[in-house]
Amino acid sequence: LKLMAYYRRADRSGRQEDHAKRVQHVLWLIEHHPDSELLHSPVSRFSQGELTPADYRRAAALWDAAAKAKPGDAALQWNAASFFQDLDPGLHMHYLEATAAADPNHPYALRPLAHLYALSILERGPLASRAQAGLEASRNVWVLGNAAYMFQSQYNQTLQRGAPNPRAAELAERYFLRAKALDPNLDRQAILPQLDPQGIARARQIELQAQR
């Protein structure tokens, strides 16, 4: 870990040989110890463009083999999800789903998965249909509840901007009810925090008057 952190230091960032060594260490860890906590460290993470196409293909193949060999290993699946977070949204979602399947109470993966589902659906991007299917199929109260919270948060943001998105509010209500059917004790106000539209309008008028 210290050696990989050394290769990643800011004063060595321009040294291609150090970067290449860190890449090789990461590939070795994925192949031999894919559940290692070192793979969840920043020293094992890469952004777009930091890996050569060959290294990226190698990493993807190694993660695929490791995940298929131990599908019930949540630590391994979580490491894979973290590795692809900034590299491939589709694989990031895939391994988040695999982590949730391996551990339905995983302390770190469920909220990112729920938020990725919600934002993908609202943005209608390339992952929207996959996200919709995953959320519809989910029976995990934490995934459904956090997705409802994200939908409501996005609705509240549009409300504050003066252009409310009713679709976000409808989706928030839909998935809150799905979550509440699994856990009747869920707190509506905690998951679907409400804003006061009249209060927001008054605040906006005061701000406009102050600007004038």
C-alpha atoms as a PDB file:
ATOM      1  CA  LEU A   1       0.000   0.000   0.000  1.00  0.00           C
ATOM      2  CA  LYS A   2       2.828   2.403   0.878  1.00  0.00           C
ATOM      3  CA  LEU A   3       4.647   1.583  -2.352  1.00  0.00           C
ATOM      4  CA  MET A   4       1.541   2.170  -4.485  1.00  0.00           C
ATOM      5  CA  ALA A   5       0.856   5.420  -2.621  1.00  0.00           C
ATOM      6  CA  TYR A   6       4.451   6.462  -3.329  1.00  0.00           C
ATOM      7  CA  TYR A   7       3.963   5.830  -7.050  1.00  0.00           C
ATOM      8  CA  ARG A   8       0.834   7.988  -6.916  1.00  0.00           C
ATOM      9  CA  ARG A   9       2.408  10.972  -5.146  1.00  0.00           C
ATOM     10  CA  ALA A  10       1.876  14.338  -6.814  1.00  0.00           C
ATOM     11  CA  ASP A  11       5.611  14.890  -7.301  1.00  0.00           C
ATOM     12  CA  ARG A  12       5.831  11.604  -9.240  1.00  0.00           C
ATOM     13  CA  SER A  13       2.625  11.960 -11.260  1.00  0.00           C
ATOM     14  CA  GLY A  14       4.561  12.758 -14.432  1.00  0.00           C
ATOM     15  CA  ARG A  15       6.713   9.631 -14.269  1.00  0.00           C
ATOM     16  CA  GLN A  16       5.169   7.088 -16.633  1.00  0.00           C
ATOM     17  CA  GLU A  17       7.319   4.290 -15.237  1.00  0.00           C
ATOM     18  CA  ASP A  18       5.832   4.836 -11.745  1.00  0.00           C
ATOM     19  CA  HIS A  19       2.299   4.867 -13.138  1.00  0.00           C
ATOM     20  CA  ALA A  20       2.981   1.647 -15.058  1.00  0.00           C
ATOM     21  CA  LYS A  21       4.292  -0.038 -11.906  1.00  0.00           C
ATOM     22  CA  ARG A  22       1.167   0.934  -9.961  1.00  0.00           C
ATOM     23  CA  VAL A  23      -1.032  -0.445 -12.751  1.00  0.00           C
ATOM     24  CA  GLN A  24       0.846  -3.751 -12.655  1.00  0.00           C
ATOM     25  CA  HIS A  25       0.474  -3.988  -8.875  1.00  0.00           C
ATOM     26  CA  VAL A  26      -3.282  -3.437  -9.197  1.00  0.00           C
ATOM     27  CA  LEU A  27      -3.607  -6.058 -11.917  1.00  0.00           C
ATOM     28  CA  TRP A  28      -1.665  -8.522  -9.764  1.00  0.00           C
ATOM     29  CA  LEU A  29      -3.954  -7.847  -6.798  1.00  0.00           C
ATOM     30  CA  ILE A  30      -7.084  -8.321  -8.913  1.00  0.00           C
ATOM     31  CA  GLU A  31      -5.749 -11.640 -10.203  1.00  0.00           C
ATOM     32  CA  HIS A  32      -4.473 -13.031  -6.888  1.00  0.00           C
ATOM     33  CA  HIS A  33      -6.328 -11.196  -4.098  1.00  0.00           C
ATOM     34  CA  PRO A  34      -9.522  -9.641  -5.567  1.00  0.00           C
ATOM     35  CA  ASP A  35     -11.084  -9.313  -2.103  1.00  0.00           C
ATOM     36  CA  SER A  36      -8.123  -7.329  -0.718  1.00  0.00           C
ATOM     37  CA  GLU A  37      -8.951  -4.086   1.044  1.00  0.00           C
ATOM     38  CA  LEU A  38      -6.080  -2.515  -0.896  1.00  0.00           C
ATOM     39  CA  LEU A  39      -8.299  -2.649  -3.982  1.00  0.00           C
ATOM     40  CA  HIS A  40     -10.765  -0.328  -2.283  1.00  0.00           C
ATOM     41  CA  SER A  41      -8.031   2.237  -1.640  1.00  0.00           C
ATOM     42  CA  PRO A  42      -7.570   5.365  -3.784  1.00  0.00           C
ATOM     43  CA  VAL A  43      -4.170   4.009  -4.846  1.00  0.00           C
ATOM     44  CA  SER A  44      -5.983   1.251  -6.768  1.00  0.00           C
ATOM     45  CA  ARG A  45      -8.417   3.555  -8.562  1.00  0.00           C
ATOM     46  CA  PHE A  46      -8.108   5.066 -12.030  1.00  0.00           C
ATOM     47  CA  SER A  47      -9.938   7.710 -14.007  1.00  0.00           C
ATOM     48  CA  GLN A  48     -10.850   7.766 -17.680  1.00  0.00           C
ATOM     49  CA  GLY A  49      -7.716   7.780 -19.815  1.00  0.00           C
ATOM     50  CA  GLU A  50      -5.349   6.605 -17.080  1.00  0.00           C
ATOM     51  CA  LEU A  51      -5.300   2.993 -18.307  1.00  0.00           C
ATOM     52  CA  THR A  52      -4.151   1.880 -21.729  1.00  0.00           C
ATOM     53  CA  PRO A  53      -6.775  -0.058 -23.717  1.00  0.00           C
ATOM     54  CA  ALA A  54      -4.792  -3.259 -23.164  1.00  0.00           C
ATOM     55  CA  ASP A  55      -4.557  -2.716 -19.385  1.00  0.00           C
ATOM     56  CA  TYR A  56      -8.250  -1.884 -19.197  1.00  0.00           C
ATOM     57  CA  ARG A  57      -9.202  -5.053 -21.084  1.00  0.00           C
ATOM     58  CA  ARG A  58      -6.919  -7.075 -18.804  1.00  0.00           C
ATOM     59  CA  ALA A  59      -8.477  -5.569 -15.685  1.00  0.00           C
ATOM     60  CA  ALA A  60     -12.011  -6.133 -16.963  1.00  0.00           C
ATOM     61  CA  ALA A  61     -11.240  -9.779 -17.799  1.00  0.00           C
ATOM     62  CA  LEU A  62      -9.632 -10.381 -14.401  1.00  0.00           C
ATOM     63  CA  TRP A  63     -12.576  -8.847 -12.540  1.00  0.00           C
ATOM     64  CA  ASP A  64     -15.014 -10.872 -14.612  1.00  0.00           C
ATOM     65  CA  ALA A  65     -13.196 -14.127 -13.827  1.00  0.00           C
ATOM     66  CA  ALA A  66     -12.879 -13.327 -10.122  1.00  0.00           C
ATOM     67  CA  ALA A  67     -16.518 -12.258  -9.748  1.00  0.00           C
ATOM     68  CA  LYS A  68     -17.806 -15.364 -11.522  1.00  0.00           C
ATOM     69  CA  ALA A  69     -15.589 -17.612  -9.409  1.00  0.00           C
ATOM     70  CA  LYS A  70     -16.950 -16.173  -6.136  1.00  0.00           C
ATOM     71  CA  PRO A  71     -20.366 -14.573  -6.797  1.00  0.00           C
ATOM     72  CA  GLY A  72     -21.241 -14.662  -3.098  1.00  0.00           C
ATOM     73  CA  ASP A  73     -18.151 -12.708  -1.989  1.00  0.00           C
ATOM     74  CA  ALA A  74     -19.515  -9.225  -1.289  1.00  0.00           C
ATOM     75  CA  ALA A  75     -16.069  -7.741  -0.566  1.00  0.00           C
ATOM     76  CA  LEU A  76     -14.837  -8.882  -3.968  1.00  0.00           C
ATOM     77  CA  GLN A  77     -17.917  -7.560  -5.790  1.00  0.00           C
ATOM     78  CA  TRP A  78     -17.650  -4.234  -3.940  1.00  0.00           C
ATOM     79  CA  ASN A  79     -13.994  -3.901  -4.945  1.00  0.00           C
ATOM     80  CA  ALA A  80     -14.965  -4.457  -8.572  1.00  0.00           C
ATOM     81  CA  ALA A  81     -17.758  -1.878  -8.332  1.00  0.00           C
ATOM     82  CA  SER A  82     -15.325   0.659  -6.860  1.00  0.00           C
ATOM     83  CA  PHE A  83     -12.722  -0.039  -9.550  1.00  0.00           C
ATOM     84  CA  PHE A  84     -15.164   0.745 -12.378  1.00  0.00           C
ATOM     85  CA  GLN A  85     -16.826   3.759 -10.730  1.00  0.00           C
ATOM     86  CA  ASP A  86     -14.928   6.300 -12.835  1.00  0.00           C
ATOM     87  CA  LEU A  87     -14.219   3.993 -15.778  1.00  0.00           C
ATOM     88  CA  ASP A  88     -17.453   2.324 -16.897  1.00  0.00           C
ATOM     89  CA  PRO A  89     -20.916   3.234 -15.507  1.00  0.00           C
ATOM     90  CA  GLY A  90     -22.405   0.018 -16.875  1.00  0.00           C
ATOM     91  CA  LEU A  91     -19.894  -2.248 -15.128  1.00  0.00           C
ATOM     92  CA  HIS A  92     -20.100  -0.056 -12.036  1.00  0.00           C
ATOM     93  CA  MET A  93     -23.860  -0.707 -11.900  1.00  0.00           C
ATOM     94  CA  HIS A  94     -23.374  -4.413 -12.653  1.00  0.00           C
ATOM     95  CA  TYR A  95     -20.976  -4.941  -9.750  1.00  0.00           C
ATOM     96  CA  LEU A  96     -23.043  -2.809  -7.372  1.00  0.00           C
ATOM     97  CA  GLU A  97     -25.962  -5.118  -8.158  1.00  0.00           C
ATOM     98  CA  ALA A  98     -23.714  -8.127  -7.586  1.00  0.00           C
ATOM     99  CA  THR A  99     -22.640  -6.692  -4.221  1.00  0.00           C
ATOM    100  CA  ALA A 100     -26.262  -6.187  -3.170  1.00  0.00           C
ATOM    101  CA  ALA A 101     -27.081  -9.741  -4.274  1.00  0.00           C
ATOM    102  CA  ALA A 102     -24.164 -11.126  -2.241  1.00  0.00           C
ATOM    103  CA  ASP A 103     -25.027  -9.038   0.851  1.00  0.00           C
ATOM    104  CA  PRO A 104     -28.523  -7.446   0.959  1.00  0.00           C
ATOM    105  CA  ASN A 105     -27.395  -5.391   3.981  1.00  0.00           C
ATOM    106  CA  HIS A 106     -24.041  -4.247   2.614  1.00  0.00           C
ATOM    107  CA  PRO A 107     -23.047  -1.072   4.503  1.00  0.00           C
ATOM    108  CA  TYR A 108     -21.622   0.796   1.509  1.00  0.00           C
ATOM    109  CA  ALA A 109     -23.035  -0.426  -1.813  1.00  0.00           C
ATOM    110  CA  LEU A 110     -26.799  -0.072  -1.437  1.00  0.00           C
ATOM    111  CA  ARG A 111     -27.073   3.712  -1.367  1.00  0.00           C
ATOM    112  CA  PRO A 112     -24.774   4.246  -4.389  1.00  0.00           C
ATOM    113  CA  LEU A 113     -26.746   1.609  -6.293  1.00  0.00           C
ATOM    114  CA  ALA A 114     -30.067   3.268  -5.431  1.00  0.00           C
ATOM    115  CA  HIS A 115     -28.782   6.717  -6.369  1.00  0.00           C
ATOM    116  CA  LEU A 116     -27.321   5.425  -9.643  1.00  0.00           C
ATOM    117  CA  TYR A 117     -30.660   3.809 -10.469  1.00  0.00           C
ATOM    118  CA  ALA A 118     -32.610   6.992  -9.724  1.00  0.00           C
ATOM    119  CA  LEU A 119     -30.329   9.405 -11.576  1.00  0.00           C
ATOM    120  CA  SER A 120     -30.062   7.093 -14.605  1.00  0.00           C
ATOM    121  CA  ILE A 121     -33.853   6.903 -14.822  1.00  0.00           C
ATOM    122  CA  LEU A 122     -34.360  10.660 -14.467  1.00  0.00           C
ATOM    123  CA  GLU A 123     -31.616  11.547 -16.949  1.00  0.00           C
ATOM    124  CA  ARG A 124     -32.962   9.020 -19.491  1.00  0.00           C
ATOM    125  CA  GLY A 125     -29.395   8.094 -20.384  1.00  0.00           C
ATOM    126  CA  PRO A 126     -27.989   4.862 -21.819  1.00  0.00           C
ATOM    127  CA  LEU A 127     -28.435   3.054 -18.491  1.00  0.00           C
ATOM    128  CA  ALA A 128     -32.034   4.173 -17.965  1.00  0.00           C
ATOM    129  CA  SER A 129     -33.711   0.960 -19.104  1.00  0.00           C
ATOM    130  CA  ARG A 130     -31.305  -1.195 -17.086  1.00  0.00           C
ATOM    131  CA  ALA A 131     -31.835   0.975 -14.039  1.00  0.00           C
ATOM    132  CA  GLN A 132     -35.611   0.820 -14.423  1.00  0.00           C
ATOM    133  CA  ALA A 133     -35.524  -2.960 -14.738  1.00  0.00           C
ATOM    134  CA  GLY A 134     -33.200  -3.323 -11.751  1.00  0.00           C
ATOM    135  CA  LEU A 135     -35.306  -1.090  -9.540  1.00  0.00           C
ATOM    136  CA  GLU A 136     -38.530  -2.801 -10.572  1.00  0.00           C
ATOM    137  CA  ALA A 137     -37.046  -6.202  -9.785  1.00  0.00           C
ATOM    138  CA  SER A 138     -35.541  -5.150  -6.441  1.00  0.00           C
ATOM    139  CA  ARG A 139     -36.992  -6.458  -3.193  1.00  0.00           C
ATOM    140  CA  ASN A 140     -34.382  -4.703  -1.086  1.00  0.00           C
ATOM    141  CA  VAL A 141     -35.972  -2.121   1.204  1.00  0.00           C
ATOM    142  CA  TRP A 142     -32.720  -0.135   1.453  1.00  0.00           C
ATOM    143  CA  VAL A 143     -32.344   0.132  -2.318  1.00  0.00           C
ATOM    144  CA  LEU A 144     -35.993   1.101  -2.820  1.00  0.00           C
ATOM    145  CA  GLY A 145     -35.993   3.557   0.081  1.00  0.00           C
ATOM    146  CA  ASN A 146     -32.788   5.281  -0.981  1.00  0.00           C
ATOM    147  CA  ALA A 147     -34.014   5.478  -4.572  1.00  0.00           C
ATOM    148  CA  ALA A 148     -37.238   7.127  -3.351  1.00  0.00           C
ATOM    149  CA  TYR A 149     -35.160   9.597  -1.312  1.00  0.00           C
ATOM    150  CA  MET A 150     -33.038  10.476  -4.362  1.00  0.00           C
ATOM    151  CA  PHE A 151     -36.107  10.972  -6.548  1.00  0.00           C
ATOM    152  CA  GLN A 152     -37.595  13.266  -3.889  1.00  0.00           C
ATOM    153  CA  SER A 153     -34.317  15.176  -3.532  1.00  0.00           C
ATOM    154  CA  GLN A 154     -34.205  15.754  -7.279  1.00  0.00           C
ATOM    155  CA  TYR A 155     -37.825  16.925  -7.232  1.00  0.00           C
ATOM    156  CA  ASN A 156     -37.076  19.328  -4.365  1.00  0.00           C
ATOM    157  CA  GLN A 157     -34.160  20.779  -6.309  1.00  0.00           C
ATOM    158  CA  THR A 158     -36.346  21.434  -9.348  1.00  0.00           C
ATOM    159  CA  LEU A 159     -38.978  22.954  -7.063  1.00  0.00           C
ATOM    160  CA  GLN A 160     -36.411  25.356  -5.629  1.00  0.00           C
ATOM    161  CA  ARG A 161     -35.397  26.356  -9.150  1.00  0.00           C
ATOM    162  CA  GLY A 162     -39.002  27.184  -9.967  1.00  0.00           C
ATOM    163  CA  ALA A 163     -39.428  24.384 -12.537  1.00  0.00           C
ATOM    164  CA  PRO A 164     -40.776  21.378 -10.613  1.00  0.00           C
ATOM    165  CA  ASN A 165     -40.415  17.954 -12.206  1.00  0.00           C
ATOM    166  CA  PRO A 166     -43.625  16.033 -11.404  1.00  0.00           C
ATOM    167  CA  ARG A 167     -42.150  12.805 -12.782  1.00  0.00           C
ATOM    168  CA  ALA A 168     -39.506  12.801 -10.038  1.00  0.00           C
ATOM    169  CA  ALA A 169     -42.204  13.265  -7.394  1.00  0.00           C
ATOM    170  CA  GLU A 170     -44.295  10.443  -8.865  1.00  0.00           C
ATOM    171  CA  LEU A 171     -41.328   8.083  -8.903  1.00  0.00           C
ATOM    172  CA  ALA A 172     -40.434   9.032  -5.325  1.00  0.00           C
ATOM    173  CA  GLU A 173     -43.952   8.159  -4.173  1.00  0.00           C
ATOM    174  CA  ARG A 174     -44.000   4.930  -6.179  1.00  0.00           C
ATOM    175  CA  TYR A 175     -40.797   3.529  -4.744  1.00  0.00           C
ATOM    176  CA  PHE A 176     -41.502   4.778  -1.236  1.00  0.00           C
ATOM    177  CA  LEU A 177     -44.719   2.740  -1.270  1.00  0.00           C
ATOM    178  CA  ARG A 178     -42.754  -0.271  -2.554  1.00  0.00           C
ATOM    179  CA  ALA A 179     -40.278   0.131   0.301  1.00  0.00           C
ATOM    180  CA  LYS A 180     -42.997   0.684   2.894  1.00  0.00           C
ATOM    181  CA  ALA A 181     -44.719  -2.528   1.813  1.00  0.00           C
ATOM    182  CA  LEU A 182     -41.515  -4.315   2.860  1.00  0.00           C
ATOM    183  CA  ASP A 183     -41.056  -2.300   6.068  1.00  0.00           C
ATOM    184  CA  PRO A 184     -44.257  -0.628   7.383  1.00  0.00           C
ATOM    185  CA  ASN A 185     -42.211   1.331   9.954  1.00  0.00           C
ATOM    186  CA  LEU A 186     -40.488   3.536   7.391  1.00  0.00           C
ATOM    187  CA  ASP A 187     -40.730   7.265   8.152  1.00  0.00           C
ATOM    188  CA  ARG A 188     -42.334   9.086   5.201  1.00  0.00           C
ATOM    189  CA  GLN A 189     -40.933  12.480   6.152  1.00  0.00           C
ATOM    190  CA  ALA A 190     -37.399  11.100   6.463  1.00  0.00           C
ATOM    191  CA  ILE A 191     -37.497   9.466   3.022  1.00  0.00           C
ATOM    192  CA  LEU A 192     -39.708  12.003   1.233  1.00  0.00           C
ATOM    193  CA  PRO A 193     -38.743  15.359   2.792  1.00  0.00           C
ATOM    194  CA  GLN A 194     -41.239  18.012   1.719  1.00  0.00           C
ATOM    195  CA  LEU A 195     -40.603  21.645   0.876  1.00  0.00           C
ATOM    196  CA  ASP A 196     -43.046  24.523   1.277  1.00  0.00           C
ATOM    197  CA  PRO A 197     -43.767  25.856  -2.249  1.00  0.00           C
ATOM    198  CA  GLN A 198     -45.328  29.061  -0.889  1.00  0.00           C
ATOM    199  CA  GLY A 199     -42.323  29.666   1.336  1.00  0.00           C
ATOM    200  CA  ILE A 200     -39.994  29.130  -1.615  1.00  0.00           C
ATOM    201  CA  ALA A 201     -42.049  31.566  -3.726  1.00  0.00           C
ATOM    202  CA  ARG A 202     -41.917  34.206  -0.972  1.00  0.00           C
ATOM    203  CA  ALA A 203     -38.164  33.773  -0.605  1.00  0.00           C
ATOM    204  CA  ARG A 204     -37.725  34.140  -4.360  1.00  0.00           C
ATOM    205  CA  GLN A 205     -39.810  37.317  -4.397  1.00  0.00           C
ATOM    206  CA  ILE A 206     -37.752  38.762  -1.551  1.00  0.00           C
ATOM    207  CA  GLU A 207     -34.552  37.916  -3.393  1.00  0.00           C
ATOM    208  CA  LEU A 208     -35.780  39.499  -6.633  1.00  0.00           C
ATOM    209  CA  GLN A 209     -36.873  42.615  -4.763  1.00  0.00           C
ATOM    210  CA  ALA A 210     -33.460  42.840  -3.103  1.00  0.00           C
ATOM    211  CA  GLN A 211     -31.764  42.532  -6.500  1.00  0.00           C
ATOM    212  CA  ARG A 212     -33.941  45.323  -7.918  1.00  0.00           C
END
